[in-house]
N, C-alpha and C. Protein backbone atom coordinates (compact mmCIF):
# COMPACT_ATOMS: atom_id res chain seq x y z
N LEU A 1 6.95 -59.41 58.40
CA LEU A 1 8.02 -58.76 57.71
C LEU A 1 8.78 -57.76 58.54
N SER A 2 8.13 -57.12 59.43
CA SER A 2 8.78 -55.99 60.26
C SER A 2 9.47 -56.47 61.50
N GLU A 3 9.16 -57.64 62.08
CA GLU A 3 9.80 -58.07 63.29
C GLU A 3 11.25 -58.24 63.25
N PRO A 4 11.80 -58.69 62.21
CA PRO A 4 13.31 -58.92 62.29
C PRO A 4 14.06 -57.57 62.64
N ALA A 5 13.53 -56.45 62.33
CA ALA A 5 14.29 -55.23 62.71
C ALA A 5 14.28 -55.10 64.28
N TRP A 6 13.31 -55.32 64.96
CA TRP A 6 13.34 -55.26 66.38
C TRP A 6 14.28 -56.33 67.02
N GLN A 7 14.17 -57.49 66.52
CA GLN A 7 15.04 -58.53 67.04
C GLN A 7 16.50 -58.30 66.80
N THR A 8 16.75 -57.73 65.56
CA THR A 8 18.12 -57.36 65.28
C THR A 8 18.68 -56.36 66.24
N PHE A 9 17.90 -55.31 66.48
CA PHE A 9 18.16 -54.27 67.49
C PHE A 9 18.46 -54.90 68.84
N ASN A 10 17.59 -55.78 69.29
CA ASN A 10 17.71 -56.38 70.59
C ASN A 10 19.07 -57.16 70.73
N PHE A 11 19.30 -57.95 69.74
CA PHE A 11 20.44 -58.83 69.89
C PHE A 11 21.75 -58.44 69.27
N PHE A 12 21.75 -57.53 68.26
CA PHE A 12 22.92 -57.37 67.58
C PHE A 12 23.60 -55.93 67.69
N ILE A 13 22.91 -54.98 68.31
CA ILE A 13 23.53 -53.64 68.48
C ILE A 13 24.85 -53.78 69.36
N PRO A 14 24.84 -54.49 70.52
CA PRO A 14 26.11 -54.64 71.14
C PRO A 14 27.21 -55.32 70.37
N LEU A 15 26.81 -56.38 69.71
CA LEU A 15 27.85 -57.11 68.89
C LEU A 15 28.34 -56.22 67.63
N TYR A 16 27.45 -55.48 67.13
CA TYR A 16 27.85 -54.62 66.00
C TYR A 16 28.79 -53.52 66.55
N LEU A 17 28.47 -52.91 67.66
CA LEU A 17 29.36 -51.91 68.25
C LEU A 17 30.77 -52.49 68.64
N ALA A 18 30.79 -53.73 69.12
CA ALA A 18 31.99 -54.29 69.41
C ALA A 18 32.86 -54.72 68.15
N THR A 19 32.21 -55.29 67.16
CA THR A 19 32.86 -55.76 65.96
C THR A 19 33.23 -54.71 65.01
N VAL A 20 32.39 -53.80 64.79
CA VAL A 20 32.57 -52.72 63.74
C VAL A 20 33.34 -51.54 64.34
N TRP A 21 33.02 -51.13 65.56
CA TRP A 21 33.69 -49.92 66.18
C TRP A 21 34.67 -50.22 67.31
N ASN A 22 34.86 -51.54 67.57
CA ASN A 22 35.88 -52.04 68.51
C ASN A 22 35.60 -51.39 69.99
N LEU A 23 34.33 -51.23 70.27
CA LEU A 23 34.01 -50.64 71.56
C LEU A 23 34.17 -51.75 72.61
N ASP A 24 34.57 -51.28 73.81
CA ASP A 24 34.69 -52.29 74.92
C ASP A 24 33.29 -52.22 75.60
N LEU A 25 33.09 -52.94 76.71
CA LEU A 25 31.81 -53.06 77.40
C LEU A 25 31.33 -51.67 77.92
N LYS A 26 32.35 -50.93 78.40
CA LYS A 26 31.99 -49.55 78.93
C LYS A 26 31.46 -48.67 77.79
N GLY A 27 32.08 -48.79 76.57
CA GLY A 27 31.63 -48.00 75.42
C GLY A 27 30.26 -48.42 74.94
N ILE A 28 30.13 -49.73 74.86
CA ILE A 28 28.81 -50.24 74.49
C ILE A 28 27.72 -49.80 75.52
N ALA A 29 28.00 -49.85 76.69
CA ALA A 29 26.97 -49.52 77.68
C ALA A 29 26.71 -48.06 77.61
N MET A 30 27.54 -47.24 77.21
CA MET A 30 27.39 -45.78 77.04
C MET A 30 26.38 -45.54 75.86
N TRP A 31 26.32 -46.33 74.84
CA TRP A 31 25.55 -46.07 73.65
C TRP A 31 24.32 -46.96 73.47
N ALA A 32 24.43 -48.16 73.76
CA ALA A 32 23.43 -49.24 73.28
C ALA A 32 22.06 -48.96 73.82
N TRP A 33 21.90 -48.38 74.88
CA TRP A 33 20.54 -48.15 75.45
C TRP A 33 19.73 -47.05 74.75
N LEU A 34 20.37 -46.17 73.98
CA LEU A 34 19.69 -45.03 73.41
C LEU A 34 18.67 -45.42 72.47
N PRO A 35 18.82 -46.44 71.57
CA PRO A 35 17.80 -46.83 70.56
C PRO A 35 16.48 -47.37 71.25
N PHE A 36 16.68 -47.88 72.47
CA PHE A 36 15.51 -48.35 73.18
C PHE A 36 14.71 -47.26 73.80
N LEU A 37 15.44 -46.17 74.26
CA LEU A 37 14.79 -44.92 74.60
C LEU A 37 14.02 -44.33 73.47
N ALA A 38 14.61 -44.24 72.27
CA ALA A 38 13.98 -43.73 71.10
C ALA A 38 12.79 -44.64 70.73
N ALA A 39 12.86 -45.87 71.08
CA ALA A 39 11.72 -46.79 70.70
C ALA A 39 10.57 -46.48 71.60
N ASP A 40 10.82 -46.05 72.87
CA ASP A 40 9.66 -45.66 73.72
C ASP A 40 8.93 -44.40 73.16
N PHE A 41 9.65 -43.48 72.51
CA PHE A 41 9.04 -42.43 71.95
C PHE A 41 8.25 -42.82 70.73
N GLY A 42 8.80 -43.83 70.01
CA GLY A 42 8.14 -44.34 68.85
C GLY A 42 6.77 -44.98 69.31
N SER A 43 6.76 -45.61 70.36
CA SER A 43 5.48 -46.26 70.88
C SER A 43 4.46 -45.14 71.21
N LEU A 44 5.00 -44.04 71.84
CA LEU A 44 4.10 -42.96 72.01
C LEU A 44 3.45 -42.36 70.82
N ALA A 45 4.37 -42.18 69.87
CA ALA A 45 3.90 -41.62 68.47
C ALA A 45 2.86 -42.55 67.82
N ALA A 46 3.05 -43.92 68.03
CA ALA A 46 2.06 -44.84 67.46
C ALA A 46 0.66 -44.61 67.97
N GLY A 47 0.56 -44.05 69.25
CA GLY A 47 -0.76 -43.79 69.78
C GLY A 47 -1.20 -42.28 69.48
N LEU A 48 -0.22 -41.38 69.50
CA LEU A 48 -0.61 -40.01 69.32
C LEU A 48 -0.87 -39.61 67.84
N LEU A 49 -0.13 -40.07 66.88
CA LEU A 49 -0.26 -39.71 65.51
C LEU A 49 -1.67 -40.14 64.97
N PRO A 50 -2.04 -41.39 65.19
CA PRO A 50 -3.40 -41.71 64.58
C PRO A 50 -4.54 -40.83 65.18
N ASN A 51 -4.43 -40.56 66.49
CA ASN A 51 -5.46 -39.76 67.12
C ASN A 51 -5.53 -38.27 66.45
N TRP A 52 -4.27 -37.82 66.18
CA TRP A 52 -4.15 -36.53 65.58
C TRP A 52 -4.78 -36.58 64.16
N LEU A 53 -4.42 -37.65 63.42
CA LEU A 53 -4.97 -37.77 62.11
C LEU A 53 -6.54 -37.93 62.10
N ILE A 54 -7.01 -38.67 63.10
CA ILE A 54 -8.51 -38.85 63.02
C ILE A 54 -9.15 -37.48 63.41
N LYS A 55 -8.59 -36.72 64.28
CA LYS A 55 -9.23 -35.44 64.59
C LYS A 55 -9.17 -34.54 63.34
N ARG A 56 -8.38 -34.85 62.40
CA ARG A 56 -8.28 -34.04 61.22
C ARG A 56 -9.07 -34.75 60.00
N GLY A 57 -9.82 -35.71 60.28
CA GLY A 57 -10.68 -36.27 59.31
C GLY A 57 -10.23 -37.60 58.74
N ALA A 58 -9.14 -38.10 59.08
CA ALA A 58 -8.72 -39.45 58.61
C ALA A 58 -9.62 -40.55 59.30
N GLY A 59 -9.92 -41.54 58.55
CA GLY A 59 -10.60 -42.74 59.17
C GLY A 59 -9.67 -43.50 60.04
N LEU A 60 -10.27 -44.34 60.88
CA LEU A 60 -9.48 -45.10 61.86
C LEU A 60 -8.44 -45.93 61.20
N ILE A 61 -8.85 -46.78 60.26
CA ILE A 61 -7.93 -47.70 59.65
C ILE A 61 -6.90 -46.95 58.80
N SER A 62 -7.23 -45.90 58.17
CA SER A 62 -6.28 -45.00 57.41
C SER A 62 -5.34 -44.46 58.33
N SER A 63 -5.66 -44.00 59.51
CA SER A 63 -4.83 -43.30 60.47
C SER A 63 -3.71 -44.38 60.83
N ARG A 64 -4.08 -45.66 61.11
CA ARG A 64 -3.18 -46.60 61.45
C ARG A 64 -2.20 -46.96 60.24
N LYS A 65 -2.74 -47.05 59.08
CA LYS A 65 -1.96 -47.34 57.93
C LYS A 65 -0.94 -46.16 57.66
N ILE A 66 -1.34 -44.91 57.80
CA ILE A 66 -0.45 -43.84 57.61
C ILE A 66 0.65 -43.85 58.69
N THR A 67 0.39 -44.10 59.91
CA THR A 67 1.28 -44.23 60.95
C THR A 67 2.33 -45.31 60.71
N MET A 68 1.83 -46.45 60.25
CA MET A 68 2.76 -47.53 59.91
C MET A 68 3.69 -47.18 58.73
N THR A 69 3.09 -46.56 57.74
CA THR A 69 3.88 -46.15 56.57
C THR A 69 4.93 -45.18 56.94
N ILE A 70 4.58 -44.17 57.81
CA ILE A 70 5.66 -43.24 58.25
C ILE A 70 6.81 -43.96 58.97
N GLY A 71 6.43 -44.84 59.83
CA GLY A 71 7.42 -45.65 60.57
C GLY A 71 8.32 -46.42 59.62
N ALA A 72 7.67 -47.05 58.51
CA ALA A 72 8.42 -47.83 57.54
C ALA A 72 9.42 -46.84 56.88
N LEU A 73 8.90 -45.67 56.47
CA LEU A 73 9.79 -44.77 55.72
C LEU A 73 11.00 -44.30 56.63
N PHE A 74 10.78 -44.09 57.93
CA PHE A 74 11.84 -43.73 58.88
C PHE A 74 12.92 -44.90 58.89
N MET A 75 12.47 -46.15 58.65
CA MET A 75 13.49 -47.23 58.63
C MET A 75 14.54 -47.13 57.59
N ILE A 76 14.42 -46.12 56.68
CA ILE A 76 15.54 -45.82 55.83
C ILE A 76 16.74 -45.38 56.60
N GLY A 77 16.53 -44.74 57.74
CA GLY A 77 17.64 -44.36 58.57
C GLY A 77 18.63 -45.42 58.87
N PRO A 78 18.09 -46.61 59.51
CA PRO A 78 19.03 -47.68 59.85
C PRO A 78 19.72 -48.29 58.55
N ALA A 79 19.05 -48.20 57.39
CA ALA A 79 19.55 -48.75 56.15
C ALA A 79 20.95 -47.95 55.84
N CYS A 80 21.09 -46.82 56.48
CA CYS A 80 22.32 -45.98 56.19
C CYS A 80 23.35 -46.21 57.23
N ILE A 81 23.21 -47.11 58.20
CA ILE A 81 24.21 -47.37 59.22
C ILE A 81 25.64 -47.66 58.63
N GLY A 82 25.60 -48.29 57.56
CA GLY A 82 26.85 -48.63 56.86
C GLY A 82 27.70 -47.35 56.44
N LEU A 83 27.00 -46.27 56.37
CA LEU A 83 27.64 -44.98 56.02
C LEU A 83 28.16 -44.23 57.25
N ALA A 84 27.89 -44.78 58.44
CA ALA A 84 28.24 -43.97 59.65
C ALA A 84 29.69 -43.80 59.67
N THR A 85 30.15 -42.64 60.20
CA THR A 85 31.52 -42.35 60.34
C THR A 85 32.03 -42.38 61.75
N SER A 86 31.09 -42.67 62.68
CA SER A 86 31.44 -42.81 64.07
C SER A 86 30.41 -43.75 64.77
N PRO A 87 30.72 -44.22 65.90
CA PRO A 87 29.66 -44.92 66.74
C PRO A 87 28.54 -44.08 67.04
N GLY A 88 28.77 -42.83 67.17
CA GLY A 88 27.61 -41.88 67.66
C GLY A 88 26.62 -41.77 66.48
N VAL A 89 27.13 -41.64 65.26
CA VAL A 89 26.29 -41.58 64.08
C VAL A 89 25.55 -42.87 63.88
N ALA A 90 26.33 -43.98 64.11
CA ALA A 90 25.60 -45.32 63.92
C ALA A 90 24.49 -45.41 64.96
N ILE A 91 24.75 -45.03 66.25
CA ILE A 91 23.71 -45.07 67.26
C ILE A 91 22.57 -44.13 66.97
N ALA A 92 22.82 -42.98 66.42
CA ALA A 92 21.75 -42.07 66.03
C ALA A 92 20.87 -42.76 64.97
N LEU A 93 21.39 -43.43 64.00
CA LEU A 93 20.65 -44.09 63.04
C LEU A 93 19.92 -45.30 63.66
N PHE A 94 20.52 -46.01 64.62
CA PHE A 94 19.77 -47.02 65.38
C PHE A 94 18.62 -46.42 66.12
N CYS A 95 18.75 -45.23 66.67
CA CYS A 95 17.67 -44.52 67.32
C CYS A 95 16.51 -44.22 66.40
N VAL A 96 16.88 -43.66 65.19
CA VAL A 96 15.77 -43.54 64.15
C VAL A 96 15.12 -44.82 63.93
N GLY A 97 15.83 -45.96 63.83
CA GLY A 97 15.23 -47.30 63.62
C GLY A 97 14.41 -47.76 64.84
N GLY A 98 14.83 -47.51 65.99
CA GLY A 98 14.06 -47.90 67.18
C GLY A 98 12.74 -47.16 67.25
N PHE A 99 12.81 -45.82 67.05
CA PHE A 99 11.62 -44.98 67.03
C PHE A 99 10.77 -45.51 65.87
N ALA A 100 11.23 -45.66 64.68
CA ALA A 100 10.46 -46.06 63.51
C ALA A 100 9.78 -47.35 63.73
N HIS A 101 10.53 -48.41 64.31
CA HIS A 101 9.98 -49.74 64.35
C HIS A 101 8.80 -49.73 65.39
N GLN A 102 9.02 -49.08 66.51
CA GLN A 102 7.97 -49.14 67.48
C GLN A 102 6.80 -48.32 67.05
N MET A 103 6.99 -47.20 66.33
CA MET A 103 5.90 -46.49 65.73
C MET A 103 5.10 -47.37 64.87
N LEU A 104 5.69 -48.10 63.92
CA LEU A 104 5.18 -48.97 63.00
C LEU A 104 4.43 -50.18 63.78
N ASN A 105 5.26 -50.69 64.73
CA ASN A 105 4.68 -51.87 65.43
C ASN A 105 3.48 -51.56 66.24
N GLY A 106 3.53 -50.37 66.93
CA GLY A 106 2.29 -49.96 67.73
C GLY A 106 1.06 -49.84 66.91
N ALA A 107 1.22 -49.21 65.73
CA ALA A 107 0.13 -49.04 64.80
C ALA A 107 -0.39 -50.45 64.40
N LEU A 108 0.61 -51.33 64.08
CA LEU A 108 0.22 -52.69 63.58
C LEU A 108 -0.55 -53.48 64.57
N ILE A 109 -0.02 -53.39 65.86
CA ILE A 109 -0.71 -54.23 66.90
C ILE A 109 -2.17 -53.68 67.19
N THR A 110 -2.31 -52.38 67.18
CA THR A 110 -3.59 -51.83 67.42
C THR A 110 -4.55 -52.07 66.30
N LEU A 111 -3.93 -52.23 65.06
CA LEU A 111 -4.78 -52.48 63.93
C LEU A 111 -5.61 -53.74 64.02
N CYS A 112 -5.03 -54.73 64.65
CA CYS A 112 -5.71 -56.04 64.89
C CYS A 112 -7.04 -55.85 65.58
N THR A 113 -7.07 -55.02 66.64
CA THR A 113 -8.34 -54.65 67.34
C THR A 113 -9.35 -53.86 66.44
N ASP A 114 -8.78 -53.15 65.46
CA ASP A 114 -9.61 -52.36 64.61
C ASP A 114 -10.26 -53.18 63.53
N VAL A 115 -9.49 -54.21 63.07
CA VAL A 115 -9.99 -55.00 61.94
C VAL A 115 -10.72 -56.23 62.28
N PHE A 116 -10.41 -56.95 63.37
CA PHE A 116 -11.03 -58.11 63.69
C PHE A 116 -12.07 -57.90 64.87
N ASP A 117 -13.10 -58.71 64.78
CA ASP A 117 -14.13 -58.56 65.92
C ASP A 117 -13.56 -59.20 67.23
N SER A 118 -14.23 -58.79 68.28
CA SER A 118 -13.81 -59.14 69.55
C SER A 118 -13.66 -60.66 69.88
N ARG A 119 -14.32 -61.51 69.12
CA ARG A 119 -14.17 -62.94 69.31
C ARG A 119 -12.87 -63.45 68.66
N THR A 120 -12.35 -62.77 67.65
CA THR A 120 -11.19 -63.27 66.97
C THR A 120 -9.94 -62.53 67.16
N VAL A 121 -9.99 -61.33 67.74
CA VAL A 121 -8.85 -60.42 67.94
C VAL A 121 -7.71 -61.09 68.57
N GLY A 122 -8.02 -61.92 69.61
CA GLY A 122 -6.97 -62.58 70.33
C GLY A 122 -6.20 -63.58 69.43
N THR A 123 -6.99 -64.42 68.69
CA THR A 123 -6.29 -65.39 67.83
C THR A 123 -5.59 -64.67 66.71
N ALA A 124 -6.16 -63.58 66.18
CA ALA A 124 -5.42 -62.90 65.11
C ALA A 124 -4.10 -62.33 65.60
N SER A 125 -4.20 -61.73 66.79
CA SER A 125 -2.97 -61.11 67.41
C SER A 125 -1.96 -62.15 67.72
N GLY A 126 -2.41 -63.31 68.26
CA GLY A 126 -1.54 -64.41 68.65
C GLY A 126 -0.78 -64.95 67.44
N MET A 127 -1.65 -65.18 66.30
CA MET A 127 -1.02 -65.63 65.08
C MET A 127 -0.01 -64.65 64.42
N ALA A 128 -0.34 -63.40 64.54
CA ALA A 128 0.62 -62.40 64.04
C ALA A 128 1.87 -62.42 64.80
N GLY A 129 1.75 -62.47 66.11
CA GLY A 129 2.95 -62.48 67.03
C GLY A 129 3.67 -63.70 66.82
N SER A 130 3.09 -64.81 66.67
CA SER A 130 3.84 -66.08 66.50
C SER A 130 4.68 -65.99 65.11
N ALA A 131 3.92 -65.61 64.08
CA ALA A 131 4.61 -65.47 62.75
C ALA A 131 5.76 -64.44 62.79
N ALA A 132 5.59 -63.28 63.51
CA ALA A 132 6.56 -62.37 63.65
C ALA A 132 7.80 -62.90 64.36
N TRP A 133 7.64 -63.65 65.46
CA TRP A 133 8.79 -64.16 66.17
C TRP A 133 9.45 -65.28 65.43
N ILE A 134 8.77 -66.07 64.67
CA ILE A 134 9.34 -67.11 63.89
C ILE A 134 10.17 -66.44 62.77
N GLY A 135 9.62 -65.47 62.10
CA GLY A 135 10.40 -64.65 61.07
C GLY A 135 11.61 -64.01 61.70
N GLY A 136 11.48 -63.45 62.84
CA GLY A 136 12.61 -62.77 63.53
C GLY A 136 13.67 -63.81 63.88
N MET A 137 13.25 -64.95 64.35
CA MET A 137 14.23 -66.04 64.71
C MET A 137 15.00 -66.50 63.55
N LEU A 138 14.32 -66.65 62.46
CA LEU A 138 15.01 -67.13 61.19
C LEU A 138 15.97 -65.99 60.63
N PHE A 139 15.54 -64.72 60.80
CA PHE A 139 16.36 -63.70 60.35
C PHE A 139 17.58 -63.57 61.21
N THR A 140 17.37 -63.81 62.53
CA THR A 140 18.47 -63.77 63.47
C THR A 140 19.62 -64.89 63.08
N VAL A 141 19.13 -66.04 62.71
CA VAL A 141 20.03 -67.11 62.27
C VAL A 141 20.74 -66.67 60.98
N LEU A 142 20.06 -66.02 60.10
CA LEU A 142 20.60 -65.58 58.86
C LEU A 142 21.62 -64.44 59.07
N ILE A 143 21.37 -63.55 60.11
CA ILE A 143 22.35 -62.57 60.39
C ILE A 143 23.61 -63.16 61.07
N GLY A 144 23.38 -64.14 61.85
CA GLY A 144 24.55 -64.76 62.56
C GLY A 144 25.45 -65.36 61.52
N LYS A 145 24.90 -65.96 60.42
CA LYS A 145 25.67 -66.67 59.44
C LYS A 145 26.26 -65.71 58.43
N SER A 146 25.49 -64.67 58.07
CA SER A 146 26.02 -63.83 57.01
C SER A 146 26.73 -62.56 57.39
N ALA A 147 26.59 -62.11 58.61
CA ALA A 147 27.34 -60.91 59.01
C ALA A 147 28.81 -61.06 58.90
N ASP A 148 29.33 -62.31 59.27
CA ASP A 148 30.73 -62.54 59.14
C ASP A 148 31.23 -62.49 57.66
N GLN A 149 30.37 -63.08 56.77
CA GLN A 149 30.72 -63.11 55.39
C GLN A 149 30.59 -61.81 54.66
N PHE A 150 29.43 -61.07 54.86
CA PHE A 150 29.05 -59.96 54.11
C PHE A 150 29.14 -58.53 54.86
N GLY A 151 29.31 -58.72 56.21
CA GLY A 151 29.23 -57.55 57.14
C GLY A 151 27.78 -57.20 57.42
N TYR A 152 27.67 -56.15 58.19
CA TYR A 152 26.22 -55.77 58.68
C TYR A 152 25.49 -54.95 57.65
N ASP A 153 26.18 -54.23 56.81
CA ASP A 153 25.50 -53.18 56.01
C ASP A 153 24.44 -53.70 55.18
N PRO A 154 24.57 -54.79 54.40
CA PRO A 154 23.41 -55.38 53.68
C PRO A 154 22.27 -55.81 54.49
N LEU A 155 22.55 -56.19 55.68
CA LEU A 155 21.48 -56.65 56.62
C LEU A 155 20.59 -55.53 57.10
N PHE A 156 21.33 -54.32 57.40
CA PHE A 156 20.51 -53.21 57.73
C PHE A 156 19.59 -52.61 56.67
N VAL A 157 20.10 -52.71 55.49
CA VAL A 157 19.37 -52.31 54.22
C VAL A 157 18.22 -53.26 54.05
N ALA A 158 18.40 -54.57 54.29
CA ALA A 158 17.31 -55.50 54.23
C ALA A 158 16.18 -55.29 55.29
N LEU A 159 16.56 -54.82 56.39
CA LEU A 159 15.58 -54.50 57.37
C LEU A 159 14.66 -53.38 56.95
N ALA A 160 15.28 -52.42 56.40
CA ALA A 160 14.48 -51.29 55.85
C ALA A 160 13.54 -51.71 54.76
N CYS A 161 14.10 -52.58 53.84
CA CYS A 161 13.31 -53.09 52.78
C CYS A 161 12.09 -53.84 53.31
N PHE A 162 12.32 -54.75 54.28
CA PHE A 162 11.22 -55.52 54.82
C PHE A 162 10.04 -54.61 55.33
N ASP A 163 10.52 -53.58 56.11
CA ASP A 163 9.43 -52.75 56.60
C ASP A 163 8.70 -52.00 55.52
N LEU A 164 9.41 -51.58 54.48
CA LEU A 164 8.75 -50.83 53.37
C LEU A 164 7.82 -51.78 52.60
N ILE A 165 8.23 -53.08 52.47
CA ILE A 165 7.44 -54.07 51.84
C ILE A 165 6.17 -54.32 52.66
N ALA A 166 6.39 -54.42 54.00
CA ALA A 166 5.28 -54.66 54.93
C ALA A 166 4.24 -53.54 54.74
N ALA A 167 4.64 -52.30 54.62
CA ALA A 167 3.71 -51.12 54.48
C ALA A 167 2.91 -51.36 53.12
N VAL A 168 3.61 -51.86 52.12
CA VAL A 168 2.96 -51.98 50.82
C VAL A 168 1.94 -53.07 50.93
N VAL A 169 2.34 -54.22 51.60
CA VAL A 169 1.42 -55.33 51.76
C VAL A 169 0.21 -54.89 52.64
N LEU A 170 0.43 -54.01 53.74
CA LEU A 170 -0.65 -53.62 54.56
C LEU A 170 -1.66 -52.85 53.74
N TRP A 171 -1.14 -51.87 52.89
CA TRP A 171 -2.02 -51.07 52.05
C TRP A 171 -2.73 -51.91 50.99
N SER A 172 -2.13 -52.91 50.52
CA SER A 172 -2.75 -53.85 49.59
C SER A 172 -3.84 -54.64 50.23
N LEU A 173 -3.62 -55.19 51.40
CA LEU A 173 -4.56 -56.02 52.11
C LEU A 173 -5.79 -55.19 52.65
N LEU A 174 -5.58 -53.88 53.03
CA LEU A 174 -6.61 -53.13 53.65
C LEU A 174 -7.03 -51.93 52.74
N ARG A 175 -7.22 -52.32 51.51
CA ARG A 175 -7.73 -51.26 50.62
C ARG A 175 -9.16 -50.94 50.96
N GLN A 176 -9.46 -49.56 50.85
CA GLN A 176 -10.83 -49.13 51.05
C GLN A 176 -11.67 -49.61 49.94
N LYS A 177 -12.82 -50.15 50.29
CA LYS A 177 -13.74 -50.67 49.36
C LYS A 177 -14.68 -49.51 48.85
N LYS A 178 -14.84 -49.42 47.62
CA LYS A 178 -15.63 -48.32 47.10
C LYS A 178 -17.10 -48.76 47.14
N ALA A 179 -17.97 -47.81 47.50
CA ALA A 179 -19.35 -48.00 47.61
C ALA A 179 -20.09 -48.14 46.24
């Protein structure tokens, strides 16, 4: 559910900047790299926050779920891109999304090694990655067809909803068993 956000950022930020804000190539180059820098910091947060939580008494799985949930909540930022009053504000919201998605994704990828045993972690990670890219590919086709008709705004809201739903699914699937 969460992969479409990253693929949208990868493929559609330049097109969005060109079509919505009428930026030329120089203008796009000035802004479009910033969400990817923010994503790097999100990847760091995906490793640092769980460790911080564990040191304060959270369990391993809980620390990953909390990290993913915080990332999903931050995805509300990109849902507001349609409210942007300038390309700079739109890019700032994309930056929040890049940070949020990589924070969420880093926690999710690591969760595979926490939940599955060493004999199945590769298969589980591979299946999750394949499903993610298939979902991302299908969403990319959907964006291509619907952005012209509806604009980008509903699609950015959908990305936030997908990540929030993914967090709910994660919490549902990984409930703590009571002794």
